[in-house]
PDB file of N, CA and C in Angstrom:
ATOM      1  N   MET A   1      19.808  -1.712  -2.909  1.00  0.00           N
ATOM      2  CA  MET A   1      19.227  -0.391  -2.440  1.00  0.00           C
ATOM      3  C   MET A   1      20.426   0.241  -1.826  1.00  0.00           C
ATOM      4  N   THR A   2      20.249   1.863  -1.600  1.00  0.00           N
ATOM      5  CA  THR A   2      21.371   2.608  -1.060  1.00  0.00           C
ATOM      6  C   THR A   2      20.859   3.527   0.084  1.00  0.00           C
ATOM      7  N   ASN A   3      21.097   4.387   0.910  1.00  0.00           N
ATOM      8  CA  ASN A   3      21.490   4.991   1.780  1.00  0.00           C
ATOM      9  C   ASN A   3      20.413   4.349   2.563  1.00  0.00           C
ATOM     10  N   ARG A   4      20.770   3.525   3.061  1.00  0.00           N
ATOM     11  CA  ARG A   4      20.313   2.712   4.280  1.00  0.00           C
ATOM     12  C   ARG A   4      21.235   2.739   5.620  1.00  0.00           C
ATOM     13  N   SER A   5      20.215   3.447   6.665  1.00  0.00           N
ATOM     14  CA  SER A   5      21.003   3.609   8.122  1.00  0.00           C
ATOM     15  C   SER A   5      21.386   2.131   8.842  1.00  0.00           C
ATOM     16  N   THR A   6      21.102   1.512   8.346  1.00  0.00           N
ATOM     17  CA  THR A   6      20.718   0.120   9.134  1.00  0.00           C
ATOM     18  C   THR A   6      21.832  -0.960   8.403  1.00  0.00           C
ATOM     19  N   SER A   7      22.380  -1.911   9.089  1.00  0.00           N
ATOM     20  CA  SER A   7      23.232  -3.202   9.145  1.00  0.00           C
ATOM     21  C   SER A   7      22.667  -4.279   8.696  1.00  0.00           C
ATOM     22  N   GLU A   8      20.983  -4.375   8.908  1.00  0.00           N
ATOM     23  CA  GLU A   8      20.457  -5.689   8.658  1.00  0.00           C
ATOM     24  C   GLU A   8      20.377  -5.845   7.598  1.00  0.00           C
ATOM     25  N   ALA A   9      20.184  -7.403   7.459  1.00  0.00           N
ATOM     26  CA  ALA A   9      20.146  -8.325   6.002  1.00  0.00           C
ATOM     27  C   ALA A   9      18.848  -7.578   5.439  1.00  0.00           C
ATOM     28  N   ARG A  10      18.892  -7.636   4.241  1.00  0.00           N
ATOM     29  CA  ARG A  10      17.355  -7.286   3.083  1.00  0.00           C
ATOM     30  C   ARG A  10      17.509  -7.526   2.371  1.00  0.00           C
ATOM     31  N   SER A  11      15.982  -8.008   1.935  1.00  0.00           N
ATOM     32  CA  SER A  11      15.354  -8.702   0.851  1.00  0.00           C
ATOM     33  C   SER A  11      16.016  -8.212  -0.472  1.00  0.00           C
ATOM     34  N   THR A  12      16.478  -8.638  -1.573  1.00  0.00           N
ATOM     35  CA  THR A  12      16.801  -7.786  -2.942  1.00  0.00           C
ATOM     36  C   THR A  12      15.426  -7.665  -3.991  1.00  0.00           C
ATOM     37  N   SER A  13      14.179  -7.939  -3.062  1.00  0.00           N
ATOM     38  CA  SER A  13      12.994  -7.985  -3.721  1.00  0.00           C
ATOM     39  C   SER A  13      12.613  -6.392  -2.938  1.00  0.00           C
ATOM     40  N   ALA A  14      11.055  -5.585  -3.471  1.00  0.00           N
ATOM     41  CA  ALA A  14      10.350  -4.884  -2.684  1.00  0.00           C
ATOM     42  C   ALA A  14       8.949  -5.115  -3.289  1.00  0.00           C
ATOM     43  N   SER A  15       8.177  -4.569  -2.711  1.00  0.00           N
ATOM     44  CA  SER A  15       6.692  -4.545  -2.967  1.00  0.00           C
ATOM     45  C   SER A  15       6.408  -3.067  -3.574  1.00  0.00           C
ATOM     46  N   PHE A  16       5.672  -3.163  -4.623  1.00  0.00           N
ATOM     47  CA  PHE A  16       5.094  -1.878  -5.159  1.00  0.00           C
ATOM     48  C   PHE A  16       4.173  -1.339  -4.472  1.00  0.00           C
ATOM     49  N   VAL A  17       4.088  -0.052  -4.273  1.00  0.00           N
ATOM     50  CA  VAL A  17       3.085   0.783  -3.613  1.00  0.00           C
ATOM     51  C   VAL A  17       2.300   0.735  -4.228  1.00  0.00           C
ATOM     52  N   THR A  18       1.022   0.539  -3.952  1.00  0.00           N
ATOM     53  CA  THR A  18      -0.282   0.844  -4.650  1.00  0.00           C
ATOM     54  C   THR A  18      -0.983   2.029  -4.156  1.00  0.00           C
ATOM     55  N   ALA A  19      -0.912   2.181  -2.983  1.00  0.00           N
ATOM     56  CA  ALA A  19      -1.324   3.779  -2.390  1.00  0.00           C
ATOM     57  C   ALA A  19      -0.905   4.165  -1.638  1.00  0.00           C
ATOM     58  N   PHE A  20      -0.756   5.364  -1.426  1.00  0.00           N
ATOM     59  CA  PHE A  20      -0.241   6.422  -0.017  1.00  0.00           C
ATOM     60  C   PHE A  20      -0.620   7.460   0.507  1.00  0.00           C
ATOM     61  N   ALA A  21      -0.659   7.851   1.624  1.00  0.00           N
ATOM     62  CA  ALA A  21      -1.384   8.863   2.188  1.00  0.00           C
ATOM     63  C   ALA A  21      -0.305   9.568   3.036  1.00  0.00           C
ATOM     64  N   THR A  22      -0.606  10.853   3.406  1.00  0.00           N
ATOM     65  CA  THR A  22       0.022  11.719   4.553  1.00  0.00           C
ATOM     66  C   THR A  22      -0.644  12.404   5.114  1.00  0.00           C
ATOM     67  N   GLY A  23      -0.405  12.422   6.515  1.00  0.00           N
ATOM     68  CA  GLY A  23      -1.054  13.434   7.596  1.00  0.00           C
ATOM     69  C   GLY A  23      -0.379  13.379   8.890  1.00  0.00           C
ATOM     70  N   TRP A  24      -1.056  13.995   9.694  1.00  0.00           N
ATOM     71  CA  TRP A  24      -0.338  14.038  10.998  1.00  0.00           C
ATOM     72  C   TRP A  24      -1.349  13.782  12.262  1.00  0.00           C
ATOM     73  N   PRO A  25      -1.382  13.232  13.334  1.00  0.00           N
ATOM     74  CA  PRO A  25      -2.450  13.132  14.591  1.00  0.00           C
ATOM     75  C   PRO A  25      -2.674  14.392  15.311  1.00  0.00           C
ATOM     76  N   GLU A  26      -3.826  14.568  15.279  1.00  0.00           N
ATOM     77  CA  GLU A  26      -4.140  16.095  15.957  1.00  0.00           C
ATOM     78  C   GLU A  26      -3.819  16.217  17.477  1.00  0.00           C
ATOM     79  N   ALA A  27      -3.219  15.245  17.780  1.00  0.00           N
ATOM     80  CA  ALA A  27      -2.510  15.401  19.258  1.00  0.00           C
ATOM     81  C   ALA A  27      -1.180  15.687  18.984  1.00  0.00           C
ATOM     82  N   GLN A  28      -0.492  15.762  17.526  1.00  0.00           N
ATOM     83  CA  GLN A  28       0.948  15.777  17.506  1.00  0.00           C
ATOM     84  C   GLN A  28       1.174  16.190  16.292  1.00  0.00           C
ATOM     85  N   PRO A  29       0.961  17.436  16.202  1.00  0.00           N
ATOM     86  CA  PRO A  29       1.051  17.960  14.586  1.00  0.00           C
ATOM     87  C   PRO A  29       2.191  18.454  14.608  1.00  0.00           C
ATOM     88  N   ASP A  30       3.676  17.634  15.377  1.00  0.00           N
ATOM     89  CA  ASP A  30       4.791  18.097  15.167  1.00  0.00           C
ATOM     90  C   ASP A  30       5.605  16.650  14.481  1.00  0.00           C
ATOM     91  N   ILE A  31       4.754  15.836  14.077  1.00  0.00           N
ATOM     92  CA  ILE A  31       5.051  14.532  13.056  1.00  0.00           C
ATOM     93  C   ILE A  31       4.352  14.480  11.954  1.00  0.00           C
ATOM     94  N   MET A  32       4.679  14.108  11.004  1.00  0.00           N
ATOM     95  CA  MET A  32       3.923  13.373  10.051  1.00  0.00           C
ATOM     96  C   MET A  32       3.806  11.987   9.789  1.00  0.00           C
ATOM     97  N   VAL A  33       2.559  11.486   9.764  1.00  0.00           N
ATOM     98  CA  VAL A  33       2.541   9.987   9.363  1.00  0.00           C
ATOM     99  C   VAL A  33       2.637   9.622   7.905  1.00  0.00           C
ATOM    100  N   LEU A  34       3.367   8.859   7.606  1.00  0.00           N
ATOM    101  CA  LEU A  34       2.926   8.564   5.936  1.00  0.00           C
ATOM    102  C   LEU A  34       2.766   7.031   5.917  1.00  0.00           C
ATOM    103  N   SER A  35       1.714   6.729   5.604  1.00  0.00           N
ATOM    104  CA  SER A  35       0.949   5.330   4.971  1.00  0.00           C
ATOM    105  C   SER A  35       1.045   4.716   3.563  1.00  0.00           C
ATOM    106  N   LEU A  36       1.497   3.795   3.647  1.00  0.00           N
ATOM    107  CA  LEU A  36       2.264   3.182   2.152  1.00  0.00           C
ATOM    108  C   LEU A  36       1.258   2.109   2.592  1.00  0.00           C
ATOM    109  N   THR A  37       0.264   1.522   0.878  1.00  0.00           N
ATOM    110  CA  THR A  37      -0.053   0.461   1.044  1.00  0.00           C
ATOM    111  C   THR A  37       0.367  -0.197  -0.230  1.00  0.00           C
ATOM    112  N   THR A  38       0.456  -1.669  -0.007  1.00  0.00           N
ATOM    113  CA  THR A  38       1.358  -2.716  -0.708  1.00  0.00           C
ATOM    114  C   THR A  38      -0.141  -3.699  -1.061  1.00  0.00           C
ATOM    115  N   HIS A  39       0.484  -4.899  -1.576  1.00  0.00           N
ATOM    116  CA  HIS A  39      -0.388  -6.072  -1.884  1.00  0.00           C
ATOM    117  C   HIS A  39      -0.441  -6.852  -0.646  1.00  0.00           C
ATOM    118  N   ASN A  40       0.507  -6.423   0.636  1.00  0.00           N
ATOM    119  CA  ASN A  40       0.700  -6.944   2.038  1.00  0.00           C
ATOM    120  C   ASN A  40      -0.002  -6.448   2.924  1.00  0.00           C
ATOM    121  N   GLY A  41      -0.686  -4.892   2.510  1.00  0.00           N
ATOM    122  CA  GLY A  41      -1.305  -4.496   3.524  1.00  0.00           C
ATOM    123  C   GLY A  41      -0.639  -2.959   3.697  1.00  0.00           C
ATOM    124  N   VAL A  42      -1.168  -2.731   4.854  1.00  0.00           N
ATOM    125  CA  VAL A  42      -0.800  -0.750   4.936  1.00  0.00           C
ATOM    126  C   VAL A  42       0.173  -0.974   5.817  1.00  0.00           C
ATOM    127  N   GLN A  43       1.204   0.039   5.645  1.00  0.00           N
ATOM    128  CA  GLN A  43       2.180   0.227   6.807  1.00  0.00           C
ATOM    129  C   GLN A  43       2.250   1.531   7.047  1.00  0.00           C
ATOM    130  N   ASP A  44       2.383   2.211   8.452  1.00  0.00           N
ATOM    131  CA  ASP A  44       2.354   3.381   8.681  1.00  0.00           C
ATOM    132  C   ASP A  44       3.790   4.005   9.247  1.00  0.00           C
ATOM    133  N   PHE A  45       4.269   5.049   8.759  1.00  0.00           N
ATOM    134  CA  PHE A  45       5.913   5.733   9.474  1.00  0.00           C
ATOM    135  C   PHE A  45       5.584   7.149   9.822  1.00  0.00           C
ATOM    136  N   ALA A  46       6.307   7.079  10.901  1.00  0.00           N
ATOM    137  CA  ALA A  46       6.259   8.405  11.544  1.00  0.00           C
ATOM    138  C   ALA A  46       7.690   9.677  11.339  1.00  0.00           C
ATOM    139  N   PHE A  47       7.263  10.563  11.016  1.00  0.00           N
ATOM    140  CA  PHE A  47       8.880  11.350  10.483  1.00  0.00           C
ATOM    141  C   PHE A  47       8.320  12.515  11.668  1.00  0.00           C
ATOM    142  N   ASN A  48       9.699  13.077  11.865  1.00  0.00           N
ATOM    143  CA  ASN A  48       9.754  14.747  12.370  1.00  0.00           C
ATOM    144  C   ASN A  48       9.761  15.461  11.136  1.00  0.00           C
ATOM    145  N   LYS A  49      10.048  16.779  11.180  1.00  0.00           N
ATOM    146  CA  LYS A  49       9.774  17.366  10.297  1.00  0.00           C
ATOM    147  C   LYS A  49      11.357  17.352   9.422  1.00  0.00           C
ATOM    148  N   GLU A  50      12.023  17.464  10.279  1.00  0.00           N
ATOM    149  CA  GLU A  50      13.830  17.324   9.320  1.00  0.00           C
ATOM    150  C   GLU A  50      13.559  16.070   8.503  1.00  0.00           C
ATOM    151  N   GLN A  51      13.279  14.542   9.382  1.00  0.00           N
ATOM    152  CA  GLN A  51      13.335  13.769   8.597  1.00  0.00           C
ATOM    153  C   GLN A  51      12.250  13.541   7.282  1.00  0.00           C
ATOM    154  N   ALA A  52      11.350  14.290   7.305  1.00  0.00           N
ATOM    155  CA  ALA A  52      10.414  14.553   5.922  1.00  0.00           C
ATOM    156  C   ALA A  52      10.949  15.032   5.195  1.00  0.00           C
ATOM    157  N   LEU A  53      11.648  16.353   5.672  1.00  0.00           N
ATOM    158  CA  LEU A  53      12.204  16.924   4.324  1.00  0.00           C
ATOM    159  C   LEU A  53      13.550  16.150   3.971  1.00  0.00           C
ATOM    160  N   LEU A  54      14.114  15.665   4.704  1.00  0.00           N
ATOM    161  CA  LEU A  54      15.384  15.223   3.924  1.00  0.00           C
ATOM    162  C   LEU A  54      14.986  13.583   3.060  1.00  0.00           C
ATOM    163  N   ILE A  55      13.918  13.195   3.733  1.00  0.00           N
ATOM    164  CA  ILE A  55      13.185  12.015   2.777  1.00  0.00           C
ATOM    165  C   ILE A  55      12.769  12.491   1.426  1.00  0.00           C
ATOM    166  N   ALA A  56      11.658  13.762   1.841  1.00  0.00           N
ATOM    167  CA  ALA A  56      11.374  14.316   0.098  1.00  0.00           C
ATOM    168  C   ALA A  56      12.398  14.506  -0.398  1.00  0.00           C
ATOM    169  N   LYS A  57      13.691  15.157   0.010  1.00  0.00           N
ATOM    170  CA  LYS A  57      14.613  15.537  -0.904  1.00  0.00           C
ATOM    171  C   LYS A  57      15.352  14.509  -1.527  1.00  0.00           C
ATOM    172  N   THR A  58      15.299  13.536  -1.060  1.00  0.00           N
ATOM    173  CA  THR A  58      16.025  12.234  -1.631  1.00  0.00           C
ATOM    174  C   THR A  58      15.124  11.680  -2.419  1.00  0.00           C
ATOM    175  N   ILE A  59      13.779  11.285  -2.407  1.00  0.00           N
ATOM    176  CA  ILE A  59      13.013  10.843  -3.137  1.00  0.00           C
ATOM    177  C   ILE A  59      13.087  11.499  -4.448  1.00  0.00           C
ATOM    178  N   LYS A  60      13.132  13.057  -4.203  1.00  0.00           N
ATOM    179  CA  LYS A  60      13.187  13.780  -5.615  1.00  0.00           C
ATOM    180  C   LYS A  60      14.765  13.652  -6.363  1.00  0.00           C
ATOM    181  N   GLU A  61      15.558  13.568  -5.912  1.00  0.00           N
ATOM    182  CA  GLU A  61      16.687  13.326  -6.636  1.00  0.00           C
ATOM    183  C   GLU A  61      16.767  11.773  -6.903  1.00  0.00           C
ATOM    184  N   THR A  62      16.585  10.772  -6.251  1.00  0.00           N
ATOM    185  CA  THR A  62      16.203   9.585  -6.905  1.00  0.00           C
ATOM    186  C   THR A  62      15.458   9.357  -7.784  1.00  0.00           C
ATOM    187  N   ALA A  63      14.263   9.908  -7.947  1.00  0.00           N
ATOM    188  CA  ALA A  63      13.131  10.008  -9.023  1.00  0.00           C
ATOM    189  C   ALA A  63      13.979  10.434 -10.225  1.00  0.00           C
ATOM    190  N   ALA A  64      14.474  11.449 -10.225  1.00  0.00           N
ATOM    191  CA  ALA A  64      14.976  12.377 -11.304  1.00  0.00           C
ATOM    192  C   ALA A  64      16.054  11.278 -12.196  1.00  0.00           C
ATOM    193  N   LYS A  65      16.779  10.320 -11.472  1.00  0.00           N
ATOM    194  CA  LYS A  65      17.478   9.443 -12.057  1.00  0.00           C
ATOM    195  C   LYS A  65      16.807   8.091 -12.744  1.00  0.00           C
ATOM    196  N   LEU A  66      15.704   8.091 -12.538  1.00  0.00           N
ATOM    197  CA  LEU A  66      14.993   6.805 -12.759  1.00  0.00           C
ATOM    198  C   LEU A  66      14.868   6.391 -14.150  1.00  0.00           C
ATOM    199  N   GLY A  67      14.894   5.655 -15.149  1.00  0.00           N
ATOM    200  CA  GLY A  67      14.836   5.626 -16.310  1.00  0.00           C
ATOM    201  C   GLY A  67      13.757   5.321 -16.318  1.00  0.00           C
ATOM    202  N   THR A  68      13.311   5.127 -17.910  1.00  0.00           N
ATOM    203  CA  THR A  68      11.912   4.771 -18.983  1.00  0.00           C
ATOM    204  C   THR A  68      11.322   3.769 -18.252  1.00  0.00           C
ATOM    205  N   PRO A  69      10.218   3.630 -17.785  1.00  0.00           N
ATOM    206  CA  PRO A  69       9.313   2.575 -17.565  1.00  0.00           C
ATOM    207  C   PRO A  69       9.415   1.532 -18.673  1.00  0.00           C
ATOM    208  N   LYS A  70       9.838   0.097 -18.394  1.00  0.00           N
ATOM    209  CA  LYS A  70       9.337  -0.654 -19.388  1.00  0.00           C
ATOM    210  C   LYS A  70       8.070  -1.197 -19.283  1.00  0.00           C
ATOM    211  N   THR A  71       7.923  -1.713 -21.117  1.00  0.00           N
ATOM    212  CA  THR A  71       6.278  -1.647 -21.495  1.00  0.00           C
ATOM    213  C   THR A  71       6.594  -2.978 -21.678  1.00  0.00           C
ATOM    214  N   GLY A  72       5.313  -3.941 -21.956  1.00  0.00           N
ATOM    215  CA  GLY A  72       5.449  -4.680 -22.316  1.00  0.00           C
ATOM    216  C   GLY A  72       4.028  -5.875 -22.007  1.00  0.00           C
TER     217      GLY A  72
END
């Protein structure tokens, strides 16, 4: 994986996301919460507007480079 801002060791495998949701807490309309669900459960992440826009841009650019899904 690329675009990491941490130097921690990372696993070479990843869990597939089976569901996701976005929203914001009523008391904190200045942050976005992204909830990702995998077979391991739900993980919530909080972002400010600048981070959310950068993540969206990066995901869009990366998704455009993805190959055709393997079938079988």
